[in-house]
N, C-alpha and C. Protein backbone atom coordinates (compact mmCIF):
# COMPACT_ATOMS: atom_id res chain seq x y z
N UNK A 1 5.23 -26.33 -22.20
CA UNK A 1 5.71 -24.62 -21.95
C UNK A 1 7.07 -24.88 -24.01
N UNK A 2 6.84 -24.22 -24.19
CA UNK A 2 8.29 -25.08 -25.28
C UNK A 2 8.77 -23.55 -25.30
N UNK A 3 10.25 -24.49 -25.87
CA UNK A 3 11.15 -24.12 -25.89
C UNK A 3 11.39 -22.42 -25.48
N UNK A 4 11.63 -20.98 -25.38
CA UNK A 4 12.15 -19.71 -24.06
C UNK A 4 10.68 -19.47 -23.95
N UNK A 5 9.34 -19.56 -24.01
CA UNK A 5 8.91 -18.76 -23.43
C UNK A 5 8.37 -18.98 -22.44
N UNK A 6 7.94 -17.23 -22.52
CA UNK A 6 7.83 -17.15 -20.56
C UNK A 6 5.91 -18.14 -20.26
N UNK A 7 6.52 -18.25 -18.33
CA UNK A 7 5.30 -18.59 -17.89
C UNK A 7 4.02 -18.94 -18.41
N UNK A 8 2.92 -19.54 -18.58
CA UNK A 8 2.09 -19.34 -19.03
C UNK A 8 0.94 -19.87 -17.54
N UNK A 9 -0.23 -19.30 -17.44
CA UNK A 9 -1.40 -19.51 -16.47
C UNK A 9 -2.06 -19.85 -16.97
N UNK A 10 -2.38 -20.93 -16.46
CA UNK A 10 -3.91 -22.16 -16.76
C UNK A 10 -4.89 -21.02 -15.72
N UNK A 11 -5.56 -20.97 -16.75
CA UNK A 11 -7.18 -19.85 -16.52
C UNK A 11 -8.76 -20.96 -17.33
N UNK A 12 -9.65 -19.85 -16.82
CA UNK A 12 -10.99 -21.01 -17.32
C UNK A 12 -11.85 -20.01 -17.22
N UNK A 13 -12.70 -19.73 -18.99
CA UNK A 13 -13.30 -18.70 -18.89
C UNK A 13 -14.67 -18.37 -18.23
N UNK A 14 -14.48 -17.96 -16.52
CA UNK A 14 -15.87 -17.70 -15.84
C UNK A 14 -15.63 -16.41 -15.35
N UNK A 15 -16.59 -16.08 -15.38
CA UNK A 15 -16.96 -14.22 -14.69
C UNK A 15 -16.82 -14.35 -12.97
N UNK A 16 -16.64 -14.86 -12.24
CA UNK A 16 -16.48 -15.06 -11.07
C UNK A 16 -15.67 -16.27 -9.92
N UNK A 17 -15.10 -15.41 -8.94
CA UNK A 17 -14.43 -16.71 -8.68
C UNK A 17 -14.96 -17.37 -7.04
N UNK A 18 -15.00 -18.54 -7.26
CA UNK A 18 -16.04 -19.38 -6.43
C UNK A 18 -15.29 -18.93 -4.87
N UNK A 19 -13.97 -19.18 -4.77
CA UNK A 19 -13.27 -19.10 -3.57
C UNK A 19 -13.14 -17.64 -3.43
N UNK A 20 -14.01 -16.97 -3.12
CA UNK A 20 -14.14 -14.65 -3.92
C UNK A 20 -13.19 -14.68 -4.44
N UNK A 21 -12.43 -13.46 -4.32
CA UNK A 21 -12.44 -12.42 -4.90
C UNK A 21 -13.16 -11.73 -6.21
N UNK A 22 -13.18 -11.54 -6.84
CA UNK A 22 -13.79 -9.65 -7.37
C UNK A 22 -14.38 -11.00 -8.67
N UNK A 23 -15.14 -10.54 -8.51
CA UNK A 23 -15.27 -10.73 -11.06
C UNK A 23 -13.89 -10.44 -11.70
N UNK A 24 -14.51 -10.73 -12.85
CA UNK A 24 -13.46 -10.47 -13.87
C UNK A 24 -14.15 -9.48 -14.14
N UNK A 25 -15.16 -8.42 -14.68
CA UNK A 25 -15.24 -7.39 -14.37
C UNK A 25 -15.36 -6.52 -14.12
N UNK A 26 -15.10 -7.17 -12.62
CA UNK A 26 -14.61 -5.97 -11.42
C UNK A 26 -13.02 -5.44 -11.41
N UNK A 27 -12.63 -7.01 -12.26
CA UNK A 27 -11.07 -6.49 -12.08
C UNK A 27 -10.43 -6.29 -12.83
N UNK A 28 -10.88 -6.16 -14.25
CA UNK A 28 -11.26 -6.02 -15.34
C UNK A 28 -11.76 -3.48 -15.72
N UNK A 29 -11.77 -3.29 -14.64
CA UNK A 29 -12.47 -2.00 -14.25
C UNK A 29 -11.32 -1.18 -13.27
N UNK A 30 -10.36 -2.41 -12.27
CA UNK A 30 -9.25 -2.05 -11.20
C UNK A 30 -8.34 -1.95 -12.69
N UNK A 31 -8.38 -2.76 -13.42
CA UNK A 31 -6.86 -3.42 -13.79
C UNK A 31 -7.14 -1.04 -14.84
N UNK A 32 -8.09 -0.89 -15.09
CA UNK A 32 -8.23 0.61 -15.26
C UNK A 32 -7.08 1.80 -15.16
N UNK A 33 -7.68 1.46 -13.40
CA UNK A 33 -7.16 2.31 -12.69
C UNK A 33 -6.79 2.26 -12.17
N UNK A 34 -5.63 1.50 -12.70
CA UNK A 34 -3.63 1.37 -12.04
C UNK A 34 -3.30 1.75 -13.61
N UNK A 35 -4.02 1.83 -14.52
CA UNK A 35 -3.29 1.83 -15.75
C UNK A 35 -2.78 3.62 -15.73
N UNK A 36 -3.95 4.89 -14.49
CA UNK A 36 -3.09 5.86 -14.76
C UNK A 36 -2.10 5.98 -13.12
N UNK A 37 -1.76 4.66 -12.57
CA UNK A 37 -0.98 5.45 -11.35
C UNK A 37 0.38 5.63 -12.17
N UNK A 38 0.75 6.43 -11.37
CA UNK A 38 2.81 6.74 -11.56
C UNK A 38 3.47 5.36 -12.28
N UNK A 39 3.24 4.86 -11.33
CA UNK A 39 4.46 3.44 -11.62
C UNK A 39 4.34 2.80 -12.65
N UNK A 40 2.74 3.37 -13.15
CA UNK A 40 2.18 1.94 -14.55
C UNK A 40 2.60 2.98 -15.15
N UNK A 41 2.15 4.42 -15.95
CA UNK A 41 2.37 4.66 -16.23
C UNK A 41 3.92 5.03 -16.75
N UNK A 42 4.56 5.11 -15.60
CA UNK A 42 5.71 4.90 -15.99
C UNK A 42 6.61 3.62 -16.74
N UNK A 43 6.70 2.81 -16.06
CA UNK A 43 6.89 0.91 -17.00
C UNK A 43 6.01 1.12 -18.39
N UNK A 44 4.81 1.28 -18.28
CA UNK A 44 4.21 1.31 -20.09
C UNK A 44 5.63 2.34 -20.08
N UNK A 45 5.16 3.94 -20.16
CA UNK A 45 6.86 4.57 -21.34
C UNK A 45 8.22 3.69 -21.01
N UNK A 46 8.86 3.39 -20.82
CA UNK A 46 9.52 2.06 -20.49
C UNK A 46 9.59 1.16 -21.75
N UNK A 47 9.31 0.67 -21.50
CA UNK A 47 8.69 -0.82 -22.46
C UNK A 47 8.68 0.27 -23.70
N UNK A 48 7.56 2.12 -24.16
CA UNK A 48 7.53 1.94 -25.12
C UNK A 48 8.17 2.42 -25.79
N UNK A 49 9.68 3.11 -25.45
CA UNK A 49 10.57 3.78 -25.20
C UNK A 49 11.75 2.60 -25.79
N UNK A 50 12.10 1.05 -24.90
CA UNK A 50 12.78 0.28 -25.27
C UNK A 50 12.03 -0.59 -26.79
N UNK A 51 11.14 -0.15 -27.36
CA UNK A 51 11.17 -0.35 -29.02
C UNK A 51 9.28 -1.53 -28.52
N UNK A 52 9.22 -2.11 -27.44
CA UNK A 52 8.03 -2.45 -27.16
C UNK A 52 6.51 -1.79 -26.19
N UNK A 53 6.06 -1.59 -27.92
CA UNK A 53 4.91 -0.58 -26.68
C UNK A 53 4.02 -2.28 -26.52
N UNK A 54 3.14 -1.04 -25.76
CA UNK A 54 1.51 -2.97 -25.36
C UNK A 54 0.35 -1.82 -25.84
N UNK A 55 -0.30 -3.07 -26.02
CA UNK A 55 -2.36 -1.80 -26.36
C UNK A 55 -2.70 -2.33 -25.14
N UNK A 56 -3.74 -1.59 -25.53
CA UNK A 56 -5.10 -1.73 -24.77
C UNK A 56 -5.33 -3.41 -24.11
N UNK A 57 -5.48 -4.20 -24.91
CA UNK A 57 -5.18 -5.43 -24.14
C UNK A 57 -4.60 -6.27 -24.12
N UNK A 58 -3.30 -6.14 -23.96
CA UNK A 58 -2.05 -6.45 -23.41
C UNK A 58 -2.55 -7.00 -22.30
N UNK A 59 -2.63 -6.07 -20.85
CA UNK A 59 -3.12 -6.19 -19.31
C UNK A 59 -4.49 -7.10 -19.70
N UNK A 60 -4.72 -8.33 -18.93
CA UNK A 60 -6.45 -8.60 -18.98
C UNK A 60 -6.97 -9.27 -17.93
N UNK A 61 -8.49 -9.26 -17.03
CA UNK A 61 -8.15 -10.30 -16.19
C UNK A 61 -9.01 -12.11 -16.12
N UNK A 62 -8.13 -12.56 -15.76
CA UNK A 62 -9.09 -13.65 -15.81
C UNK A 62 -10.09 -13.72 -14.77
N UNK A 63 -10.18 -15.29 -15.33
CA UNK A 63 -10.17 -16.55 -13.90
C UNK A 63 -9.17 -17.47 -13.85
N UNK A 64 -8.11 -17.63 -13.05
CA UNK A 64 -7.38 -18.84 -12.43
C UNK A 64 -7.73 -19.95 -11.77
N UNK A 65 -7.45 -21.23 -12.12
CA UNK A 65 -7.14 -22.23 -11.78
C UNK A 65 -6.17 -22.85 -10.53
N UNK A 66 -5.09 -21.70 -10.85
CA UNK A 66 -4.49 -22.26 -10.24
C UNK A 66 -4.59 -20.94 -8.74
N UNK A 67 -3.52 -21.24 -7.88
CA UNK A 67 -3.56 -20.33 -6.94
C UNK A 67 -2.59 -19.20 -7.48
N UNK A 68 -2.27 -18.69 -8.05
CA UNK A 68 -1.38 -17.53 -8.20
C UNK A 68 -1.96 -16.27 -8.52
N UNK A 69 -1.51 -14.94 -8.67
CA UNK A 69 -2.51 -13.60 -8.35
C UNK A 69 -2.43 -13.10 -10.14
N UNK A 70 -1.63 -13.55 -10.46
CA UNK A 70 -1.28 -12.99 -12.37
C UNK A 70 -0.18 -13.91 -12.62
N UNK A 71 0.30 -13.05 -14.36
CA UNK A 71 1.18 -13.69 -14.93
C UNK A 71 1.48 -13.06 -15.88
N UNK A 72 2.59 -12.49 -16.83
CA UNK A 72 3.12 -12.75 -18.07
C UNK A 72 3.36 -14.35 -19.08
N UNK A 73 2.78 -13.70 -19.89
CA UNK A 73 3.91 -14.70 -20.97
C UNK A 73 3.85 -13.95 -22.33
N UNK A 74 5.12 -14.39 -22.19
CA UNK A 74 5.65 -13.44 -24.19
C UNK A 74 5.13 -13.66 -25.24
N UNK A 75 4.49 -12.58 -25.28
CA UNK A 75 2.58 -12.77 -27.04
C UNK A 75 1.49 -12.94 -26.49
N UNK A 76 1.76 -13.44 -25.36
CA UNK A 76 0.14 -12.68 -25.33
C UNK A 76 0.17 -12.44 -23.97
N UNK A 77 0.79 -11.17 -23.32
CA UNK A 77 0.29 -10.04 -22.12
C UNK A 77 0.28 -10.23 -20.68
N UNK A 78 0.05 -9.74 -20.12
CA UNK A 78 -0.56 -10.36 -17.78
C UNK A 78 -1.68 -10.38 -18.10
N UNK A 79 -1.34 -11.30 -16.85
CA UNK A 79 -3.01 -11.35 -16.45
C UNK A 79 -3.12 -10.85 -15.26
N UNK A 80 -4.17 -10.68 -14.82
CA UNK A 80 -4.00 -10.49 -13.34
C UNK A 80 -5.96 -11.42 -12.96
N UNK A 81 -5.40 -12.38 -12.13
CA UNK A 81 -6.84 -13.15 -11.24
C UNK A 81 -7.28 -12.78 -10.77
N UNK A 82 -8.95 -13.06 -11.32
CA UNK A 82 -9.61 -11.69 -10.55
C UNK A 82 -9.85 -12.26 -8.79
N UNK A 83 -10.49 -13.68 -9.61
CA UNK A 83 -10.50 -14.37 -8.31
C UNK A 83 -9.43 -14.25 -6.89
N UNK A 84 -8.39 -13.87 -7.04
CA UNK A 84 -7.52 -13.99 -6.17
C UNK A 84 -7.71 -12.42 -5.93
N UNK A 85 -7.93 -11.28 -6.31
CA UNK A 85 -7.65 -10.19 -6.53
C UNK A 85 -9.02 -9.80 -5.05
N UNK A 86 -9.17 -8.60 -3.59
CA UNK A 86 -10.00 -8.25 -3.22
C UNK A 86 -10.03 -6.25 -3.23
N UNK A 87 -8.78 -5.41 -3.69
CA UNK A 87 -8.80 -4.45 -3.44
C UNK A 87 -7.75 -4.32 -4.53
N UNK A 88 -7.86 -2.95 -4.39
CA UNK A 88 -7.80 -1.85 -6.01
C UNK A 88 -5.33 -2.14 -5.59
N UNK A 89 -4.92 -1.93 -5.52
CA UNK A 89 -3.89 -2.11 -4.37
C UNK A 89 -2.85 -3.45 -4.07
N UNK A 90 -4.13 -4.57 -4.32
CA UNK A 90 -3.18 -5.46 -5.27
C UNK A 90 -3.69 -6.41 -6.86
N UNK A 91 -4.10 -5.45 -7.16
CA UNK A 91 -4.81 -5.45 -8.34
C UNK A 91 -2.98 -4.85 -9.23
N UNK A 92 -3.00 -3.52 -8.17
CA UNK A 92 -1.99 -1.81 -8.84
C UNK A 92 -0.01 -3.12 -9.12
N UNK A 93 -0.62 -3.45 -7.68
CA UNK A 93 0.85 -4.90 -7.40
C UNK A 93 1.27 -5.66 -8.64
N UNK A 94 0.60 -6.07 -8.83
CA UNK A 94 0.38 -7.66 -10.50
C UNK A 94 0.42 -6.74 -11.89
N UNK A 95 -0.15 -5.83 -11.40
CA UNK A 95 0.25 -5.03 -12.79
C UNK A 95 1.39 -5.00 -12.69
N UNK A 96 2.11 -3.94 -11.27
CA UNK A 96 3.70 -3.72 -11.89
C UNK A 96 4.55 -4.77 -11.82
N UNK A 97 4.23 -5.73 -10.76
CA UNK A 97 5.64 -6.33 -10.76
C UNK A 97 5.42 -7.37 -12.22
N UNK A 98 4.46 -7.43 -12.68
CA UNK A 98 4.74 -8.10 -13.96
C UNK A 98 4.73 -6.90 -15.37
N UNK A 99 4.40 -6.12 -15.15
CA UNK A 99 4.50 -4.51 -16.38
C UNK A 99 5.96 -4.81 -16.41
N UNK A 100 7.38 -5.26 -15.34
CA UNK A 100 8.31 -5.01 -15.00
C UNK A 100 8.89 -7.15 -15.56
N UNK A 101 8.61 -7.73 -15.08
CA UNK A 101 8.57 -9.32 -16.22
C UNK A 101 8.75 -8.71 -17.95
N UNK A 102 7.31 -7.99 -17.76
CA UNK A 102 7.15 -7.53 -19.84
C UNK A 102 9.02 -6.77 -20.11
N UNK A 103 9.01 -5.71 -19.50
CA UNK A 103 10.71 -4.88 -19.50
C UNK A 103 11.69 -5.02 -19.71
N UNK A 104 11.52 -6.74 -18.44
CA UNK A 104 12.79 -7.67 -19.20
C UNK A 104 13.23 -8.16 -20.18
N UNK A 105 11.81 -8.81 -20.42
CA UNK A 105 11.27 -9.56 -21.75
C UNK A 105 11.54 -8.63 -22.68
N UNK A 106 11.22 -7.12 -22.91
CA UNK A 106 11.81 -6.91 -23.90
C UNK A 106 12.84 -7.29 -23.63
N UNK A 107 13.84 -5.53 -23.09
CA UNK A 107 14.93 -5.55 -23.16
C UNK A 107 16.67 -6.13 -23.15
N UNK A 108 15.68 -7.91 -22.69
CA UNK A 108 17.13 -8.97 -22.79
C UNK A 108 16.84 -9.68 -24.36
N UNK A 109 17.09 -9.42 -25.28
CA UNK A 109 16.58 -10.41 -26.82
C UNK A 109 16.90 -11.63 -26.70
N UNK A 110 18.46 -12.26 -25.40
CA UNK A 110 17.96 -13.80 -25.15
C UNK A 110 17.18 -14.36 -23.62
N UNK A 111 15.85 -13.51 -23.17
CA UNK A 111 15.89 -14.90 -22.34
C UNK A 111 15.57 -15.27 -22.39
N UNK A 112 15.14 -16.49 -21.41
CA UNK A 112 14.78 -18.15 -21.20
C UNK A 112 14.72 -18.26 -20.66
N UNK A 113 13.09 -17.97 -21.03
CA UNK A 113 11.99 -18.46 -19.31
C UNK A 113 12.72 -19.53 -19.19
N UNK A 114 13.26 -20.46 -19.66
CA UNK A 114 12.74 -21.94 -19.53
C UNK A 114 14.36 -21.83 -18.78
N UNK A 115 15.52 -21.33 -18.53
CA UNK A 115 16.15 -20.97 -18.54
C UNK A 115 16.10 -20.47 -16.44
N UNK A 116 16.29 -21.42 -15.02
CA UNK A 116 16.46 -20.87 -13.93
C UNK A 116 17.28 -19.40 -14.06
N UNK A 117 18.42 -19.62 -14.26
CA UNK A 117 19.10 -18.44 -13.40
C UNK A 117 18.37 -16.84 -14.36
N UNK A 118 17.74 -17.18 -15.71
CA UNK A 118 17.00 -16.50 -16.23
C UNK A 118 15.99 -15.35 -15.31
N UNK A 119 15.34 -16.36 -14.98
CA UNK A 119 13.39 -16.82 -15.09
C UNK A 119 14.00 -15.76 -13.52
N UNK A 120 15.11 -16.36 -12.72
CA UNK A 120 14.57 -15.94 -10.98
C UNK A 120 15.52 -14.22 -10.87
N UNK A 121 16.10 -13.64 -12.30
CA UNK A 121 16.45 -12.57 -12.24
C UNK A 121 15.79 -11.89 -12.55
N UNK A 122 14.60 -11.76 -13.46
CA UNK A 122 13.15 -11.30 -13.82
C UNK A 122 13.07 -11.29 -12.36
N UNK A 123 12.63 -12.41 -11.71
CA UNK A 123 11.94 -12.62 -10.26
C UNK A 123 12.42 -11.74 -9.67
N UNK A 124 14.11 -11.15 -9.33
CA UNK A 124 15.07 -10.89 -8.43
C UNK A 124 13.97 -9.28 -8.62
N UNK A 125 14.46 -8.84 -10.13
CA UNK A 125 13.96 -7.90 -9.90
C UNK A 125 12.46 -7.33 -9.50
N UNK A 126 11.94 -7.87 -10.45
CA UNK A 126 10.17 -7.77 -10.05
C UNK A 126 9.59 -7.44 -8.08
N UNK A 127 10.54 -8.29 -7.64
CA UNK A 127 9.95 -8.83 -6.25
C UNK A 127 9.90 -7.71 -5.69
N UNK A 128 12.18 -7.13 -6.16
CA UNK A 128 12.62 -6.08 -4.64
C UNK A 128 11.57 -3.81 -5.83
N UNK A 129 11.87 -4.26 -7.73
CA UNK A 129 11.76 -2.99 -7.49
C UNK A 129 10.10 -2.73 -8.01
N UNK A 130 8.81 -3.49 -6.97
CA UNK A 130 7.24 -3.51 -7.74
C UNK A 130 7.32 -3.15 -6.13
N UNK A 131 7.86 -3.19 -5.73
CA UNK A 131 6.99 -3.29 -3.21
C UNK A 131 5.93 -3.80 -3.55
N UNK A 132 6.72 -5.35 -4.40
CA UNK A 132 5.87 -6.77 -3.00
C UNK A 132 6.32 -6.46 -1.80
N UNK A 133 8.13 -6.58 -2.18
CA UNK A 133 8.10 -6.83 -0.59
C UNK A 133 8.49 -5.37 0.36
N UNK A 134 7.21 -5.09 0.91
CA UNK A 134 7.26 -3.41 1.34
C UNK A 134 7.11 -3.97 2.81
N UNK A 135 7.48 -3.13 3.88
CA UNK A 135 7.40 -3.56 4.36
C UNK A 135 5.90 -4.03 5.40
N UNK A 136 4.97 -2.46 5.03
CA UNK A 136 3.51 -3.05 4.97
C UNK A 136 2.47 -4.26 4.77
N UNK A 137 3.50 -4.21 3.70
CA UNK A 137 2.52 -5.56 2.13
C UNK A 137 3.66 -6.49 3.65
N UNK A 138 3.71 -6.39 4.02
CA UNK A 138 5.19 -8.21 5.03
C UNK A 138 4.80 -8.53 5.90
N UNK A 139 3.99 -6.91 7.13
CA UNK A 139 2.88 -7.96 8.21
C UNK A 139 1.94 -8.31 7.45
N UNK A 140 1.21 -7.62 6.85
CA UNK A 140 -0.12 -7.95 6.29
C UNK A 140 0.12 -9.81 6.26
N UNK A 141 0.94 -10.35 5.84
CA UNK A 141 0.93 -11.61 4.98
C UNK A 141 1.92 -12.55 6.17
N UNK A 142 1.42 -11.86 7.50
CA UNK A 142 2.35 -12.35 8.63
C UNK A 142 3.67 -12.38 8.71
N UNK A 143 4.90 -11.09 8.46
CA UNK A 143 6.00 -11.64 8.88
C UNK A 143 6.37 -10.66 8.87
N UNK A 144 6.75 -10.55 11.17
CA UNK A 144 7.08 -9.26 11.54
C UNK A 144 8.83 -8.84 12.11
N UNK A 145 9.67 -9.69 10.53
CA UNK A 145 11.14 -8.80 10.88
C UNK A 145 11.80 -7.31 10.63
N UNK A 146 11.86 -7.17 11.57
CA UNK A 146 12.11 -5.35 11.81
C UNK A 146 13.30 -5.39 9.90
N UNK A 147 14.26 -5.90 10.35
CA UNK A 147 15.25 -5.46 9.51
C UNK A 147 16.04 -6.65 9.12
N UNK A 148 16.29 -6.44 6.90
CA UNK A 148 16.20 -7.91 6.16
C UNK A 148 15.22 -8.02 5.73
N UNK A 149 14.06 -7.45 6.38
CA UNK A 149 12.87 -8.68 5.54
C UNK A 149 12.58 -8.13 4.12
N UNK A 150 12.90 -6.75 3.87
CA UNK A 150 13.02 -7.02 2.45
C UNK A 150 13.88 -8.16 1.07
N UNK A 151 14.78 -8.39 1.55
CA UNK A 151 15.21 -9.31 0.76
C UNK A 151 14.93 -10.82 1.12
N UNK A 152 15.10 -11.09 2.63
CA UNK A 152 14.45 -12.15 2.53
C UNK A 152 13.01 -11.99 1.87
N UNK A 153 11.58 -11.18 1.60
CA UNK A 153 11.28 -11.74 0.93
C UNK A 153 11.22 -11.93 0.09
N UNK A 154 12.09 -10.72 -1.15
CA UNK A 154 12.78 -11.05 -2.09
C UNK A 154 12.93 -12.35 -2.43
N UNK A 155 13.83 -13.07 -1.55
CA UNK A 155 14.31 -14.83 -1.73
C UNK A 155 12.99 -15.47 -1.74
N UNK A 156 12.48 -15.41 -0.71
CA UNK A 156 11.47 -16.22 -0.34
C UNK A 156 10.18 -16.25 -1.64
N UNK A 157 9.94 -14.79 -1.89
CA UNK A 157 9.62 -14.88 -2.87
C UNK A 157 9.64 -15.18 -4.43
N UNK A 158 10.98 -14.72 -4.98
CA UNK A 158 12.17 -15.79 -5.68
C UNK A 158 11.97 -17.52 -5.85
N UNK A 159 12.12 -18.18 -5.03
CA UNK A 159 11.88 -19.31 -4.81
C UNK A 159 10.38 -19.76 -4.82
N UNK A 160 9.71 -20.09 -4.96
CA UNK A 160 8.01 -20.50 -5.03
C UNK A 160 8.08 -20.13 -6.29
N UNK A 161 8.50 -18.67 -6.84
CA UNK A 161 8.29 -18.51 -8.60
C UNK A 161 8.75 -19.65 -9.37
N UNK A 162 10.32 -19.92 -9.06
CA UNK A 162 11.14 -19.99 -10.23
C UNK A 162 11.09 -21.74 -9.95
N UNK A 163 10.48 -22.03 -8.21
CA UNK A 163 9.85 -23.54 -8.45
C UNK A 163 9.05 -23.88 -9.23
N UNK A 164 8.31 -22.69 -9.47
CA UNK A 164 6.98 -22.86 -10.32
C UNK A 164 7.26 -23.24 -11.46
N UNK A 165 8.29 -23.46 -12.63
CA UNK A 165 8.53 -23.73 -13.97
C UNK A 165 9.14 -25.00 -13.82
N UNK A 166 7.95 -25.85 -14.15
CA UNK A 166 8.71 -26.64 -14.81
C UNK A 166 10.10 -27.36 -14.99
N UNK A 167 11.32 -26.52 -15.56
CA UNK A 167 12.21 -26.36 -15.54
C UNK A 167 13.39 -26.05 -14.46
N UNK A 168 12.76 -25.90 -13.45
CA UNK A 168 13.78 -25.32 -12.20
C UNK A 168 13.07 -25.87 -10.89
N UNK A 169 14.45 -27.58 -11.17
CA UNK A 169 14.09 -27.63 -9.49
C UNK A 169 14.58 -26.95 -8.39
N UNK A 170 14.22 -27.15 -7.14
CA UNK A 170 14.45 -26.83 -5.63
C UNK A 170 16.27 -25.92 -5.01
N UNK A 171 16.36 -26.88 -6.68
CA UNK A 171 18.36 -27.02 -5.54
C UNK A 171 18.79 -25.41 -6.65
N UNK A 172 17.61 -26.94 -7.90
CA UNK A 172 18.32 -25.46 -9.29
C UNK A 172 18.00 -24.45 -9.18
N UNK A 173 16.25 -24.09 -8.48
CA UNK A 173 16.57 -21.91 -8.61
C UNK A 173 16.47 -21.67 -7.00
N UNK A 174 17.24 -21.88 -6.86
CA UNK A 174 18.14 -21.36 -4.80
C UNK A 174 19.38 -21.63 -6.10
N UNK A 175 20.24 -22.61 -6.59
CA UNK A 175 21.68 -22.44 -6.88
C UNK A 175 21.58 -20.96 -8.06
N UNK A 176 20.44 -20.99 -9.28
CA UNK A 176 20.27 -19.69 -10.33
C UNK A 176 20.58 -18.90 -8.87
N UNK A 177 19.27 -18.32 -8.14
CA UNK A 177 18.79 -17.77 -7.37
C UNK A 177 20.53 -16.73 -6.25
N UNK A 178 20.81 -17.14 -6.20
CA UNK A 178 22.44 -17.06 -5.33
C UNK A 178 22.92 -16.96 -7.05
N UNK A 179 23.81 -17.35 -7.50
CA UNK A 179 24.74 -17.19 -8.84
C UNK A 179 23.79 -15.54 -9.41
N UNK A 180 22.64 -15.31 -8.64
CA UNK A 180 22.54 -14.00 -10.09
C UNK A 180 22.23 -13.00 -9.29
N UNK A 181 22.28 -12.79 -7.99
CA UNK A 181 21.46 -12.13 -7.45
C UNK A 181 21.62 -11.31 -6.56
N UNK A 182 23.77 -10.66 -7.12
CA UNK A 182 23.51 -9.61 -6.71
C UNK A 182 23.93 -7.67 -8.25
N UNK A 183 23.75 -9.38 -8.44
CA UNK A 183 23.76 -8.39 -10.47
C UNK A 183 22.32 -8.01 -10.46
N UNK A 184 21.60 -8.72 -10.83
CA UNK A 184 19.64 -8.59 -10.23
C UNK A 184 19.39 -8.09 -9.67
N UNK A 185 19.37 -7.65 -8.15
CA UNK A 185 19.54 -7.56 -7.06
C UNK A 185 19.72 -5.53 -7.28
N UNK A 186 20.67 -5.58 -8.16
CA UNK A 186 20.84 -3.82 -7.76
C UNK A 186 20.54 -3.70 -8.95
N UNK A 187 20.05 -3.83 -10.19
CA UNK A 187 19.74 -3.67 -11.87
C UNK A 187 18.74 -2.89 -11.54
N UNK A 188 18.24 -1.42 -11.76
CA UNK A 188 16.92 -0.88 -11.03
C UNK A 188 16.61 -0.91 -12.01
N UNK A 189 17.48 -0.67 -13.85
CA UNK A 189 16.40 -0.35 -14.70
C UNK A 189 14.88 -1.14 -14.64
N UNK A 190 14.13 0.60 -15.21
CA UNK A 190 14.24 1.43 -15.42
C UNK A 190 14.30 2.58 -14.65
N UNK A 191 13.89 2.23 -12.88
CA UNK A 191 14.38 3.22 -13.15
C UNK A 191 16.03 3.84 -12.65
N UNK A 192 16.30 4.77 -12.26
CA UNK A 192 17.37 5.22 -11.09
C UNK A 192 18.28 5.16 -9.90
N UNK A 193 16.51 4.64 -8.86
CA UNK A 193 17.11 3.53 -7.73
C UNK A 193 15.65 3.03 -7.18
N UNK A 194 16.45 1.73 -6.60
CA UNK A 194 14.76 1.36 -6.53
C UNK A 194 14.25 2.31 -6.28
N UNK A 195 12.52 2.19 -6.00
CA UNK A 195 11.33 2.80 -6.03
C UNK A 195 11.11 2.38 -4.59
């Protein structure tokens, strides 16, 4: 990773996952379905309004060699890891989460993905606004806490993502997350409030 580019996802060009999941072709069909959902349409419209229209090839399914669901890379677009997807809802969530990163990248002219605070801010926003930390999803992951589960989930997922950034140690990720938490958690653009 060089300069201020967004992190990339190591991938191989294979049609189906050996560890379960779905084929790239099945995932591509689910991505097409997700493009018709209200939340994805809304985010795409707002990307366009911000001057960052995305084409048909911006979101693609691939087989991933790493244990991630997907990713966004500046200049490359969004990937959804087919071999880690099992149902439409998972594909929708990855697409929404990564579109929020794309929106952040579009609206912040100086976003530097190697800067731990910048990365943490976009992860906070994506975790909070995408529905990743909805109570139902947390319950399915085995987290049973009723009160405060949302912010706790966002914090846990931010740490997981930012510590995977080769430019951010665990301590740097935690410091960055804490430093930008209030501003970024309360920044709900392009939504009027957190969905």
